[in-house]
């Protein structure tokens, strides 16, 4: 039973059927297809296209179909080219000819657009839960290291002291931005296309707003041609997924470095590492490496769908069948990665002594310039003096805090005995107490803001 077969004089070529049939991936829309079909049956009843008894029969039959399709053992027939065909066939087996009335006034074009939007809305909700679980793990780790000093890096070179809490929260805020992007993707998907039919709109007096209310859509599409071809929401979902993947990859890269023996700032729980088939001593950051790799997969899905869409004319084209696999795979990928990272962050063992030992006096050269600013020297000049002090330390092969005071005074007479206070790491951290800074007091304020955000969900 192909829904369009009556016009044809023969069956589709077998190879073409394998190319065009989509049941293998769109079967996961069965719940959304049943929900949208239930809403359409009720709408047809309100429009007096169906009798009350016909609506009741369709509703009961559709719920039976839902149970059948929920069984992983369900096997489609060769003619079940997509989930919509399978639902209609099974419904016909349940309720007989009245099943043929369900498709009155709708097309697979608006049917699939509705199902897919509904699925994306629900997918965004699932991703939000996983994102917030990881965010909570990050906040917990940040709280544990709120005042633990460690080197901060720019250009992959030691820069200035920061705290572990500050560094961990630097990964929390991108997560919250990702949560907001998925919320925007959900809002973009929450526009009902059902009732647009093939492209010109339905010929029956359907209350589309009632359908939107029934299914939980925020609004109704204003143009039927646009409604059946609009896949902006899918692209926005994939962008949110790709951006999340990129940010997770960057954080994973940091943890790969910090957990290596050269740094030793943190230790990964064995449950999130892998070994070597040749070298018994190896313990590799497998979970973090795969997180890093998955970002490329997510970016690829975004690029692929954009390329598919770029040359399409208006209304529906079979190319749009390719919108679902990348979205489905992106969703599955994130729901694999996010829980693993949540567990990994939650079990990280911090090594404060290794962090502190990696901080060297030269990381406080900016503080040395700020010291001179406090003595009245313009910063640009103070920066130059501090740079000359660094050069002297390099030439003498001593640490920056070991340059004798008399030599400092040769470079600038404003240096006094109190210059030694510049090299107090805890004091240097606390000087950066402005909003968003790395001072433990500022990080505690960050934690309060983060916890407030998490408490809203």
Foldseek 3Di string as FASTA:
>chain_A
DAPPPPVDPDDDDPVVLVVQQDAVFQLVLLVLLLLLLLLLLVQCCVLVVDPPVLSVLQNVLSVVLVVQSVPPPDDDDSNCSHSNSVSLVSSCVRRNPSSVSSCAFAAVLLSVLRSVLLVLLVLLVVLLVLLLLLLVLLLVLLVVWLQQWFFDDDPNDGAAIFIPSLVSVVLNVLSVVLNVLSVVLNLVSLERLTQLHQQNGGPTPGPVVSSSVSSVRPYYDPGSQCSSLDPVSLLSLLVSLLSNLQSLLVVLVVVQVCCDPVQNFKHWDQVQWDADPPDRVDTHRVLSVVSNVVSVLSVVLSVVVCVLPVPDDITDDSSCSVSPPSSVVSSVVSVVNSVSSSVRSNPMGGDSVSRVVNDFQLSLLLLQLVVVVVVVDPSVVSNVLSVVLVVVCVVVVHGSLPDDQVVSCVSPVSDDPCSNVSRPRLVVQCVQQPASGRNSNNSVVVSVVSVVVSVVD
